[in-house]
Amino acid sequence: MVLIVDSGSTKTDWIALSEEGHELFQTQTLGLNPQVLSKEILNERIINNFELYKHRHEVSRLYFYGAGCGVEKPRLLIKEVFKDFFTQADEVVIKEDTYAALYATVKEGEKSIVCILGTGSNCSYYDGSEIVQKVISLGYILMDDASGNYFGGQLIRDFHFNKIPNDLAKRFSAAFDLSSESVKNNLYKSPNPNTYLATFARFLIENKDHDYCQALIEKGLKKFVENQILQFEDAHQLPIHFVGSIAFYLKTELKRVLDSYGFRLGKVLKRPIDGLVTHHKNHILNK
């Protein structure tokens, strides 16, 4: 059995294939970001899934693409978790989520820029054979422009600074516990503060036609363009692909901002797992 896994900070998609490439099952767990979660929490999120626990001794190969796997120490941590759980797996490959976005959106050999706008955000250049990463992400506190946690953080700040219009502020406070105690507890004492922040982005999407929300969305997307996409000199000549829920639900606003900079929007996918499966069937299984 082969497991193909795409993981963000919020959720993880799993698809199991036979060695011949036939789908056996799909399942989902909470996010498995090894930069913000301990080994114990990572293991708990896997072991509590019935399908994974049931088939844990049948897995021979595992290909994991995840947020937080851009540097060696988190990669080694989650690889250790998988080796302990999937005891018969001879091959465990760990790559950052950028590769999942690449495999799901880009034609083989096509120069492109590939972006992630989900709970977190990222941007990479594909030169036709290799991924080029000019900026290494420093995580949700310092980077992640236009991500779910970016927009969530902005909403909370504006609410507590009384910068959200009254009509919208009433709806916002009715939808969430915005007390200082709750916010600080979730940010500083609970696991996954980035995922917590991203939960508020749903409110922004649901109310995106409001003038305040439109302004906030435009501000965040422009920050992403200027800090990420503009770092690549030939960006105007390339398609710019996106994966992630923020890009998917704000596709209209995203296209408008890209158009204003003269960029060409490529594919926009909510999640890359289906494209990942196709990639592995074509390039990895039975090779």
C-alpha atoms as a PDB file:
ATOM      1  CA  MET A   1       0.000   0.000   0.000  1.00  0.00           C
ATOM      2  CA  VAL A   2       1.207   3.482  -0.912  1.00  0.00           C
ATOM      3  CA  LEU A   3       0.110   6.567   1.050  1.00  0.00           C
ATOM      4  CA  ILE A   4       0.127   9.987  -0.588  1.00  0.00           C
ATOM      5  CA  VAL A   5      -0.311  12.812   1.899  1.00  0.00           C
ATOM      6  CA  ASP A   6      -0.789  16.552   1.578  1.00  0.00           C
ATOM      7  CA  SER A   7      -0.719  18.447   4.860  1.00  0.00           C
ATOM      8  CA  GLY A   8      -1.299  22.056   5.770  1.00  0.00           C
ATOM      9  CA  SER A   9      -1.439  23.418   9.281  1.00  0.00           C
ATOM     10  CA  THR A  10      -5.223  23.023   9.458  1.00  0.00           C
ATOM     11  CA  LYS A  11      -5.912  19.683   7.797  1.00  0.00           C
ATOM     12  CA  THR A  12      -4.195  16.728   6.159  1.00  0.00           C
ATOM     13  CA  ASP A  13      -5.509  14.779   3.157  1.00  0.00           C
ATOM     14  CA  TRP A  14      -4.520  11.116   2.814  1.00  0.00           C
ATOM     15  CA  ILE A  15      -5.075   8.862  -0.209  1.00  0.00           C
ATOM     16  CA  ALA A  16      -4.065   5.191  -0.171  1.00  0.00           C
ATOM     17  CA  LEU A  17      -3.213   3.437  -3.421  1.00  0.00           C
ATOM     18  CA  SER A  18      -2.335  -0.104  -4.306  1.00  0.00           C
ATOM     19  CA  GLU A  19       1.081  -0.659  -5.887  1.00  0.00           C
ATOM     20  CA  GLU A  20      -0.772  -0.741  -9.222  1.00  0.00           C
ATOM     21  CA  GLY A  21      -2.223   2.711  -8.593  1.00  0.00           C
ATOM     22  CA  HIS A  22      -5.797   1.790  -7.671  1.00  0.00           C
ATOM     23  CA  GLU A  23      -7.361   3.923  -4.945  1.00  0.00           C
ATOM     24  CA  LEU A  24      -8.040   2.021  -1.731  1.00  0.00           C
ATOM     25  CA  PHE A  25      -9.353   4.753   0.550  1.00  0.00           C
ATOM     26  CA  GLN A  26      -9.285   8.470   1.350  1.00  0.00           C
ATOM     27  CA  THR A  27      -9.242  10.025   4.786  1.00  0.00           C
ATOM     28  CA  GLN A  28      -8.444  13.259   6.573  1.00  0.00           C
ATOM     29  CA  THR A  29      -6.793  14.264   9.835  1.00  0.00           C
ATOM     30  CA  LEU A  30      -5.957  17.539  11.503  1.00  0.00           C
ATOM     31  CA  GLY A  31      -2.889  19.357  10.208  1.00  0.00           C
ATOM     32  CA  LEU A  32       0.564  17.882  10.826  1.00  0.00           C
ATOM     33  CA  ASN A  33       2.923  20.842  10.870  1.00  0.00           C
ATOM     34  CA  PRO A  34       6.109  19.657  12.638  1.00  0.00           C
ATOM     35  CA  GLN A  35       7.323  23.205  13.205  1.00  0.00           C
ATOM     36  CA  VAL A  36       4.472  24.039  15.581  1.00  0.00           C
ATOM     37  CA  LEU A  37       3.447  20.608  16.938  1.00  0.00           C
ATOM     38  CA  SER A  38       5.224  18.240  19.292  1.00  0.00           C
ATOM     39  CA  LYS A  39       5.952  14.615  18.477  1.00  0.00           C
ATOM     40  CA  GLU A  40       3.224  13.577  20.911  1.00  0.00           C
ATOM     41  CA  ILE A  41       0.547  15.690  19.217  1.00  0.00           C
ATOM     42  CA  LEU A  42       1.631  14.570  15.733  1.00  0.00           C
ATOM     43  CA  ASN A  43       1.385  10.951  16.779  1.00  0.00           C
ATOM     44  CA  GLU A  44      -1.986  11.491  18.469  1.00  0.00           C
ATOM     45  CA  ARG A  45      -3.497  13.026  15.332  1.00  0.00           C
ATOM     46  CA  ILE A  46      -2.455  10.009  13.266  1.00  0.00           C
ATOM     47  CA  ILE A  47      -3.274   7.239  15.715  1.00  0.00           C
ATOM     48  CA  ASN A  48      -6.803   8.558  16.290  1.00  0.00           C
ATOM     49  CA  ASN A  49      -7.713   8.022  12.629  1.00  0.00           C
ATOM     50  CA  PHE A  50      -9.447   4.656  12.195  1.00  0.00           C
ATOM     51  CA  GLU A  51      -8.378   4.020   8.585  1.00  0.00           C
ATOM     52  CA  LEU A  52      -4.731   4.814   9.254  1.00  0.00           C
ATOM     53  CA  TYR A  53      -4.607   2.750  12.431  1.00  0.00           C
ATOM     54  CA  LYS A  54      -6.344  -0.181  10.762  1.00  0.00           C
ATOM     55  CA  HIS A  55      -3.910  -0.271   7.830  1.00  0.00           C
ATOM     56  CA  ARG A  56      -0.745   0.913   9.592  1.00  0.00           C
ATOM     57  CA  HIS A  57       1.128  -2.376   9.016  1.00  0.00           C
ATOM     58  CA  GLU A  58       0.188  -2.551   5.315  1.00  0.00           C
ATOM     59  CA  VAL A  59       1.896   0.651   4.198  1.00  0.00           C
ATOM     60  CA  SER A  60       5.062   0.003   2.189  1.00  0.00           C
ATOM     61  CA  ARG A  61       5.688   3.537   0.879  1.00  0.00           C
ATOM     62  CA  LEU A  62       4.668   6.968   2.122  1.00  0.00           C
ATOM     63  CA  TYR A  63       5.035  10.297   0.317  1.00  0.00           C
ATOM     64  CA  PHE A  64       4.334  13.260   2.587  1.00  0.00           C
ATOM     65  CA  TYR A  65       4.170  16.900   1.478  1.00  0.00           C
ATOM     66  CA  GLY A  66       3.653  19.253   4.370  1.00  0.00           C
ATOM     67  CA  ALA A  67       3.705  22.754   5.766  1.00  0.00           C
ATOM     68  CA  GLY A  68       6.644  23.233   8.090  1.00  0.00           C
ATOM     69  CA  CYS A  69       8.864  20.756   6.235  1.00  0.00           C
ATOM     70  CA  GLY A  70      11.111  23.278   4.519  1.00  0.00           C
ATOM     71  CA  VAL A  71      14.008  22.697   6.929  1.00  0.00           C
ATOM     72  CA  GLU A  72      15.706  19.527   8.096  1.00  0.00           C
ATOM     73  CA  LYS A  73      14.826  19.286  11.794  1.00  0.00           C
ATOM     74  CA  PRO A  74      11.004  19.279  11.337  1.00  0.00           C
ATOM     75  CA  ARG A  75      11.379  16.838   8.417  1.00  0.00           C
ATOM     76  CA  LEU A  76      13.326  14.441  10.612  1.00  0.00           C
ATOM     77  CA  LEU A  77      10.770  14.786  13.405  1.00  0.00           C
ATOM     78  CA  ILE A  78       7.770  13.841  11.309  1.00  0.00           C
ATOM     79  CA  LYS A  79       9.694  11.117   9.503  1.00  0.00           C
ATOM     80  CA  GLU A  80      10.440   9.544  12.881  1.00  0.00           C
ATOM     81  CA  VAL A  81       6.730   9.688  13.775  1.00  0.00           C
ATOM     82  CA  PHE A  82       5.814   7.941  10.521  1.00  0.00           C
ATOM     83  CA  LYS A  83       8.525   5.274  10.844  1.00  0.00           C
ATOM     84  CA  ASP A  84       7.295   4.429  14.337  1.00  0.00           C
ATOM     85  CA  PHE A  85       3.667   4.203  13.243  1.00  0.00           C
ATOM     86  CA  PHE A  86       3.902   2.653   9.765  1.00  0.00           C
ATOM     87  CA  THR A  87       6.297  -0.067  10.816  1.00  0.00           C
ATOM     88  CA  GLN A  88       6.480  -1.865   7.441  1.00  0.00           C
ATOM     89  CA  ALA A  89       7.175   1.227   5.352  1.00  0.00           C
ATOM     90  CA  ASP A  90      10.470   0.794   3.514  1.00  0.00           C
ATOM     91  CA  GLU A  91      10.323   4.243   1.951  1.00  0.00           C
ATOM     92  CA  VAL A  92       9.213   7.430   3.702  1.00  0.00           C
ATOM     93  CA  VAL A  93       9.704  10.602   1.658  1.00  0.00           C
ATOM     94  CA  ILE A  94       9.152  13.985   3.324  1.00  0.00           C
ATOM     95  CA  LYS A  95       8.981  17.192   1.265  1.00  0.00           C
ATOM     96  CA  GLU A  96       7.652  20.667   1.903  1.00  0.00           C
ATOM     97  CA  ASP A  97       4.151  21.540   0.700  1.00  0.00           C
ATOM     98  CA  THR A  98       5.557  23.635  -2.138  1.00  0.00           C
ATOM     99  CA  TYR A  99       6.232  20.410  -4.045  1.00  0.00           C
ATOM    100  CA  ALA A 100       2.610  19.339  -3.691  1.00  0.00           C
ATOM    101  CA  ALA A 101       1.490  22.658  -5.153  1.00  0.00           C
ATOM    102  CA  LEU A 102       3.993  22.271  -7.984  1.00  0.00           C
ATOM    103  CA  TYR A 103       3.026  18.714  -8.892  1.00  0.00           C
ATOM    104  CA  ALA A 104      -0.675  19.564  -8.804  1.00  0.00           C
ATOM    105  CA  THR A 105      -0.600  22.666 -10.986  1.00  0.00           C
ATOM    106  CA  VAL A 106       2.390  22.768 -13.330  1.00  0.00           C
ATOM    107  CA  LYS A 107       2.853  20.998 -16.635  1.00  0.00           C
ATOM    108  CA  GLU A 108       6.104  19.070 -16.763  1.00  0.00           C
ATOM    109  CA  GLY A 109       8.920  21.357 -17.881  1.00  0.00           C
ATOM    110  CA  GLU A 110       6.776  24.532 -17.789  1.00  0.00           C
ATOM    111  CA  LYS A 111       8.419  27.517 -16.124  1.00  0.00           C
ATOM    112  CA  SER A 112       5.986  28.851 -13.545  1.00  0.00           C
ATOM    113  CA  ILE A 113       5.541  30.583 -10.245  1.00  0.00           C
ATOM    114  CA  VAL A 114       3.710  28.462  -7.713  1.00  0.00           C
ATOM    115  CA  CYS A 115       2.048  29.983  -4.647  1.00  0.00           C
ATOM    116  CA  ILE A 116       0.297  28.713  -1.547  1.00  0.00           C
ATOM    117  CA  LEU A 117      -2.457  30.772   0.075  1.00  0.00           C
ATOM    118  CA  GLY A 118      -4.067  28.712   2.800  1.00  0.00           C
ATOM    119  CA  THR A 119      -3.533  28.750   6.541  1.00  0.00           C
ATOM    120  CA  GLY A 120      -0.031  29.951   5.666  1.00  0.00           C
ATOM    121  CA  SER A 121       1.470  31.328   2.470  1.00  0.00           C
ATOM    122  CA  ASN A 122       4.499  30.723   0.292  1.00  0.00           C
ATOM    123  CA  CYS A 123       5.816  31.395  -3.200  1.00  0.00           C
ATOM    124  CA  SER A 124       8.325  29.468  -5.311  1.00  0.00           C
ATOM    125  CA  TYR A 125       9.819  29.640  -8.789  1.00  0.00           C
ATOM    126  CA  TYR A 126       9.939  26.548 -11.000  1.00  0.00           C
ATOM    127  CA  ASP A 127      12.574  26.818 -13.726  1.00  0.00           C
ATOM    128  CA  GLY A 128      11.296  23.801 -15.640  1.00  0.00           C
ATOM    129  CA  SER A 129      13.293  21.240 -13.690  1.00  0.00           C
ATOM    130  CA  GLU A 130      13.986  22.545 -10.182  1.00  0.00           C
ATOM    131  CA  ILE A 131      12.259  24.657  -7.530  1.00  0.00           C
ATOM    132  CA  VAL A 132      14.005  27.916  -6.700  1.00  0.00           C
ATOM    133  CA  GLN A 133      13.227  29.375  -3.277  1.00  0.00           C
ATOM    134  CA  LYS A 134      14.648  32.874  -2.814  1.00  0.00           C
ATOM    135  CA  VAL A 135      12.982  33.592   0.516  1.00  0.00           C
ATOM    136  CA  ILE A 136      12.849  31.031   3.311  1.00  0.00           C
ATOM    137  CA  SER A 137       9.672  31.434   5.321  1.00  0.00           C
ATOM    138  CA  LEU A 138      10.073  32.540   8.920  1.00  0.00           C
ATOM    139  CA  GLY A 139       6.571  31.358   9.772  1.00  0.00           C
ATOM    140  CA  TYR A 140       3.245  32.840  10.680  1.00  0.00           C
ATOM    141  CA  ILE A 141       4.452  35.604  13.003  1.00  0.00           C
ATOM    142  CA  LEU A 142       6.806  37.339  10.575  1.00  0.00           C
ATOM    143  CA  MET A 143       5.643  36.262   7.127  1.00  0.00           C
ATOM    144  CA  ASP A 144       2.605  34.465   5.627  1.00  0.00           C
ATOM    145  CA  ASP A 145       1.168  37.574   3.940  1.00  0.00           C
ATOM    146  CA  ALA A 146      -2.413  37.120   2.656  1.00  0.00           C
ATOM    147  CA  SER A 147      -2.758  33.767   4.408  1.00  0.00           C
ATOM    148  CA  GLY A 148      -5.619  32.679   6.618  1.00  0.00           C
ATOM    149  CA  ASN A 149      -3.624  33.420   9.749  1.00  0.00           C
ATOM    150  CA  TYR A 150      -2.600  36.833   8.351  1.00  0.00           C
ATOM    151  CA  PHE A 151      -6.205  37.847   7.706  1.00  0.00           C
ATOM    152  CA  GLY A 152      -7.349  36.393  11.023  1.00  0.00           C
ATOM    153  CA  GLY A 153      -4.715  38.360  12.883  1.00  0.00           C
ATOM    154  CA  GLN A 154      -5.643  41.564  11.090  1.00  0.00           C
ATOM    155  CA  LEU A 155      -9.319  41.090  11.909  1.00  0.00           C
ATOM    156  CA  ILE A 156      -8.619  40.566  15.605  1.00  0.00           C
ATOM    157  CA  ARG A 157      -6.272  43.555  15.764  1.00  0.00           C
ATOM    158  CA  ASP A 158      -8.736  45.834  14.002  1.00  0.00           C
ATOM    159  CA  PHE A 159     -11.572  44.664  16.233  1.00  0.00           C
ATOM    160  CA  HIS A 160      -9.683  45.424  19.428  1.00  0.00           C
ATOM    161  CA  PHE A 161      -8.423  48.741  18.035  1.00  0.00           C
ATOM    162  CA  ASN A 162     -12.036  49.634  17.113  1.00  0.00           C
ATOM    163  CA  LYS A 163     -11.198  49.899  13.421  1.00  0.00           C
ATOM    164  CA  ILE A 164     -13.933  47.602  12.123  1.00  0.00           C
ATOM    165  CA  PRO A 165     -17.186  49.374  11.180  1.00  0.00           C
ATOM    166  CA  ASN A 166     -19.903  48.917  13.822  1.00  0.00           C
ATOM    167  CA  ASP A 167     -22.243  46.794  11.721  1.00  0.00           C
ATOM    168  CA  LEU A 168     -19.489  44.347  10.839  1.00  0.00           C
ATOM    169  CA  ALA A 169     -17.982  44.390  14.317  1.00  0.00           C
ATOM    170  CA  LYS A 170     -21.316  43.279  15.801  1.00  0.00           C
ATOM    171  CA  ARG A 171     -21.478  40.335  13.413  1.00  0.00           C
ATOM    172  CA  PHE A 172     -17.852  39.464  14.132  1.00  0.00           C
ATOM    173  CA  SER A 173     -18.295  39.472  17.914  1.00  0.00           C
ATOM    174  CA  ALA A 174     -21.460  37.395  17.596  1.00  0.00           C
ATOM    175  CA  ALA A 175     -19.628  34.746  15.570  1.00  0.00           C
ATOM    176  CA  PHE A 176     -16.516  34.348  17.770  1.00  0.00           C
ATOM    177  CA  ASP A 177     -15.312  34.661  21.343  1.00  0.00           C
ATOM    178  CA  LEU A 178     -13.116  37.738  20.987  1.00  0.00           C
ATOM    179  CA  SER A 179     -12.453  38.332  24.662  1.00  0.00           C
ATOM    180  CA  SER A 180      -8.849  39.125  25.475  1.00  0.00           C
ATOM    181  CA  GLU A 181      -8.669  36.044  27.693  1.00  0.00           C
ATOM    182  CA  SER A 182      -9.764  33.720  24.896  1.00  0.00           C
ATOM    183  CA  VAL A 183      -7.513  35.297  22.273  1.00  0.00           C
ATOM    184  CA  LYS A 184      -4.413  35.258  24.470  1.00  0.00           C
ATOM    185  CA  ASN A 185      -5.030  31.724  25.651  1.00  0.00           C
ATOM    186  CA  ASN A 186      -5.319  30.440  22.076  1.00  0.00           C
ATOM    187  CA  LEU A 187      -2.303  32.411  20.872  1.00  0.00           C
ATOM    188  CA  TYR A 188       0.109  31.793  23.718  1.00  0.00           C
ATOM    189  CA  LYS A 189      -0.995  28.664  25.577  1.00  0.00           C
ATOM    190  CA  SER A 190      -2.607  26.352  23.007  1.00  0.00           C
ATOM    191  CA  PRO A 191      -1.055  24.391  20.128  1.00  0.00           C
ATOM    192  CA  ASN A 192      -1.470  25.596  16.546  1.00  0.00           C
ATOM    193  CA  PRO A 193      -1.862  29.372  17.107  1.00  0.00           C
ATOM    194  CA  ASN A 194      -1.551  29.836  13.336  1.00  0.00           C
ATOM    195  CA  THR A 195      -4.516  27.545  12.737  1.00  0.00           C
ATOM    196  CA  TYR A 196      -6.488  29.383  15.413  1.00  0.00           C
ATOM    197  CA  LEU A 197      -5.889  32.693  13.642  1.00  0.00           C
ATOM    198  CA  ALA A 198      -6.877  31.186  10.307  1.00  0.00           C
ATOM    199  CA  THR A 199     -10.324  30.216  11.619  1.00  0.00           C
ATOM    200  CA  PHE A 200     -11.278  33.904  11.534  1.00  0.00           C
ATOM    201  CA  ALA A 201     -10.580  34.142   7.801  1.00  0.00           C
ATOM    202  CA  ARG A 202     -13.895  32.394   7.163  1.00  0.00           C
ATOM    203  CA  PHE A 203     -15.651  35.521   8.430  1.00  0.00           C
ATOM    204  CA  LEU A 204     -13.703  37.660   5.981  1.00  0.00           C
ATOM    205  CA  ILE A 205     -14.671  35.403   3.085  1.00  0.00           C
ATOM    206  CA  GLU A 206     -18.327  35.265   4.104  1.00  0.00           C
ATOM    207  CA  ASN A 207     -18.455  39.071   4.288  1.00  0.00           C
ATOM    208  CA  LYS A 208     -16.053  39.845   1.478  1.00  0.00           C
ATOM    209  CA  ASP A 209     -18.460  42.220  -0.271  1.00  0.00           C
ATOM    210  CA  HIS A 210     -18.272  44.630   2.654  1.00  0.00           C
ATOM    211  CA  ASP A 211     -16.072  47.655   1.911  1.00  0.00           C
ATOM    212  CA  TYR A 212     -13.904  47.006   4.960  1.00  0.00           C
ATOM    213  CA  CYS A 213     -13.312  43.386   3.930  1.00  0.00           C
ATOM    214  CA  GLN A 214     -12.553  44.338   0.342  1.00  0.00           C
ATOM    215  CA  ALA A 215      -9.930  46.811   1.548  1.00  0.00           C
ATOM    216  CA  LEU A 216      -8.349  44.270   3.902  1.00  0.00           C
ATOM    217  CA  ILE A 217      -8.270  41.577   1.213  1.00  0.00           C
ATOM    218  CA  GLU A 218      -6.660  43.925  -1.288  1.00  0.00           C
ATOM    219  CA  LYS A 219      -4.081  45.069   1.268  1.00  0.00           C
ATOM    220  CA  GLY A 220      -3.085  41.487   2.104  1.00  0.00           C
ATOM    221  CA  LEU A 221      -2.901  40.296  -1.494  1.00  0.00           C
ATOM    222  CA  LYS A 222      -0.809  43.314  -2.513  1.00  0.00           C
ATOM    223  CA  LYS A 223       1.617  42.591   0.331  1.00  0.00           C
ATOM    224  CA  PHE A 224       1.942  39.040  -0.938  1.00  0.00           C
ATOM    225  CA  VAL A 225       2.586  40.199  -4.503  1.00  0.00           C
ATOM    226  CA  GLU A 226       5.160  42.791  -3.480  1.00  0.00           C
ATOM    227  CA  ASN A 227       7.023  40.629  -0.978  1.00  0.00           C
ATOM    228  CA  GLN A 228       6.830  37.321  -2.817  1.00  0.00           C
ATOM    229  CA  ILE A 229       5.976  37.388  -6.514  1.00  0.00           C
ATOM    230  CA  LEU A 230       7.959  40.534  -7.385  1.00  0.00           C
ATOM    231  CA  GLN A 231      11.176  38.887  -6.162  1.00  0.00           C
ATOM    232  CA  PHE A 232      11.286  36.960  -9.463  1.00  0.00           C
ATOM    233  CA  GLU A 233      12.474  39.110 -12.360  1.00  0.00           C
ATOM    234  CA  ASP A 234      10.549  37.295 -15.120  1.00  0.00           C
ATOM    235  CA  ALA A 235       7.302  36.918 -13.185  1.00  0.00           C
ATOM    236  CA  HIS A 236       5.386  38.916 -15.791  1.00  0.00           C
ATOM    237  CA  GLN A 237       6.218  36.319 -18.453  1.00  0.00           C
ATOM    238  CA  LEU A 238       5.063  33.292 -16.441  1.00  0.00           C
ATOM    239  CA  PRO A 239       1.767  31.786 -15.299  1.00  0.00           C
ATOM    240  CA  ILE A 240       1.244  32.167 -11.561  1.00  0.00           C
ATOM    241  CA  HIS A 241      -0.498  29.175 -10.006  1.00  0.00           C
ATOM    242  CA  PHE A 242      -2.125  29.009  -6.579  1.00  0.00           C
ATOM    243  CA  VAL A 243      -3.310  26.323  -4.195  1.00  0.00           C
ATOM    244  CA  GLY A 244      -5.113  26.754  -0.893  1.00  0.00           C
ATOM    245  CA  SER A 245      -8.500  27.741   0.454  1.00  0.00           C
ATOM    246  CA  ILE A 246      -7.762  31.482   0.633  1.00  0.00           C
ATOM    247  CA  ALA A 247      -6.766  31.606  -3.038  1.00  0.00           C
ATOM    248  CA  PHE A 248      -9.745  29.443  -3.998  1.00  0.00           C
ATOM    249  CA  TYR A 249     -12.425  31.452  -2.173  1.00  0.00           C
ATOM    250  CA  LEU A 250     -10.870  34.816  -3.020  1.00  0.00           C
ATOM    251  CA  LYS A 251     -10.114  33.970  -6.640  1.00  0.00           C
ATOM    252  CA  THR A 252     -11.981  37.009  -8.003  1.00  0.00           C
ATOM    253  CA  GLU A 253     -10.094  39.398  -5.724  1.00  0.00           C
ATOM    254  CA  LEU A 254      -6.827  37.587  -6.409  1.00  0.00           C
ATOM    255  CA  LYS A 255      -7.231  37.934 -10.162  1.00  0.00           C
ATOM    256  CA  ARG A 256      -8.091  41.615  -9.814  1.00  0.00           C
ATOM    257  CA  VAL A 257      -4.910  42.310  -7.828  1.00  0.00           C
ATOM    258  CA  LEU A 258      -2.712  40.267 -10.168  1.00  0.00           C
ATOM    259  CA  ASP A 259      -4.219  42.066 -13.168  1.00  0.00           C
ATOM    260  CA  SER A 260      -3.342  45.413 -11.594  1.00  0.00           C
ATOM    261  CA  TYR A 261       0.321  44.362 -11.539  1.00  0.00           C
ATOM    262  CA  GLY A 262       0.197  42.917 -15.050  1.00  0.00           C
ATOM    263  CA  PHE A 263       0.520  39.299 -13.914  1.00  0.00           C
ATOM    264  CA  ARG A 264      -1.173  36.252 -15.441  1.00  0.00           C
ATOM    265  CA  LEU A 265      -3.228  34.039 -13.122  1.00  0.00           C
ATOM    266  CA  GLY A 266      -2.811  30.339 -13.794  1.00  0.00           C
ATOM    267  CA  LYS A 267      -4.551  27.452 -12.043  1.00  0.00           C
ATOM    268  CA  VAL A 268      -6.257  27.962  -8.694  1.00  0.00           C
ATOM    269  CA  LEU A 269      -6.900  24.786  -6.682  1.00  0.00           C
ATOM    270  CA  LYS A 270      -8.458  24.466  -3.255  1.00  0.00           C
ATOM    271  CA  ARG A 271      -6.312  21.445  -2.454  1.00  0.00           C
ATOM    272  CA  PRO A 272      -3.551  19.697  -4.403  1.00  0.00           C
ATOM    273  CA  ILE A 273      -4.136  16.083  -3.352  1.00  0.00           C
ATOM    274  CA  ASP A 274      -5.833  14.939  -6.576  1.00  0.00           C
ATOM    275  CA  GLY A 275      -3.042  16.365  -8.697  1.00  0.00           C
ATOM    276  CA  LEU A 276      -0.521  14.716  -6.391  1.00  0.00           C
ATOM    277  CA  VAL A 277      -2.105  11.323  -6.985  1.00  0.00           C
ATOM    278  CA  THR A 278      -1.966  11.813 -10.750  1.00  0.00           C
ATOM    279  CA  HIS A 279       1.692  12.828 -10.499  1.00  0.00           C
ATOM    280  CA  HIS A 280       2.605   9.730  -8.498  1.00  0.00           C
ATOM    281  CA  LYS A 281       0.727   7.422 -10.833  1.00  0.00           C
ATOM    282  CA  ASN A 282       2.520   8.890 -13.842  1.00  0.00           C
ATOM    283  CA  HIS A 283       6.013   9.336 -12.451  1.00  0.00           C
ATOM    284  CA  ILE A 284       6.615   7.245  -9.339  1.00  0.00           C
ATOM    285  CA  LEU A 285       4.430   4.148  -9.045  1.00  0.00           C
ATOM    286  CA  ASN A 286       5.596   1.136 -11.020  1.00  0.00           C
ATOM    287  CA  LYS A 287       8.833   2.901 -11.970  1.00  0.00           C
END
